[in-house]
Amino acid sequence: MAALLIILGILALLIIIFIAIYNSFIVRRNRIDNSFSQIDVQLKRRSELIPKLLEVVKGYAKYERGLFKEITEARTAMLKASSIKEKASADANLSKGIKTLFAVAESYPNLKANQNFLALQEEISATENKIAYARQFYNDTVMEYNTMAERFPSSIIASTFSFKKREFFKAEESAKRDVKVSVPE
C-alpha cells in the first residue's frame, strides 16, 4: 500500500510539473505575440507620421525628391509587411530614410525653425524610442522562450507539442551603417 501511494505521489508530481511547463510555454508564446503586436503598433504609428513630415519638408527641401520617394516606398513596404523578417527589413529601410531626412533638414534653417517640423520630429523620435524598447522586450521574450524550448526537461514538452523556436527581430545590415547625406549647394 505504501509503495502504491509513493508511486501515485510521484505520478501526481510529474503531472504537476508537466502542466507547469506546458502552461509556461503558453504564457511565453502569448507574451511573444503580444510584444510583437506592440512593435507593430509603434511601427504603424510612425508610418502615420511620415506623410505629415514629408508634407512639411517638401515646402522647404524641393531638391530632395529622391529621398521623398525612398521614404514613401519604405513606408509602403512597412505597411505591407507581414512576417517578422519583412517588418524588420522594412523598419530598417524606413529608419534609414528618416535619419537621412533629419540630417538633410539640418541644411534648411527655415525648416529647422518650423514648429510643425519640430513637433513631428519630436513625435517621431519618441516613437523611435518606443520601437527600440518594444523590439528589445520582444527579443528578450523570444530568448526566454527559445531557451526554455532547448532546456531539459522542457525540451521534451516543446518537441511533443510543437513549441518551435521563434525568430528574433534583427536589424538589417544596411541599418547598421552610418547614414550618408549629400546636400545641394
Foldseek 3Di string as FASTA:
>chain_A
DVVVVVVVVVVVVVVVVLVVLVVVLVVLVVQLVVLVVQLLVLLVVLLVLLVVLCVLCCVQAVPCVVLNVQLVVLSVQCVPDDDLASNQASVLSNVLSVVQVVVQVVVGVVSVPDPSNVVSVVVSVVSVVSSVVSLVSSQVSLVVSVVLCPDPPSVVVCVVVVVDRDDHNDHDPSSVDDRDYDYDD
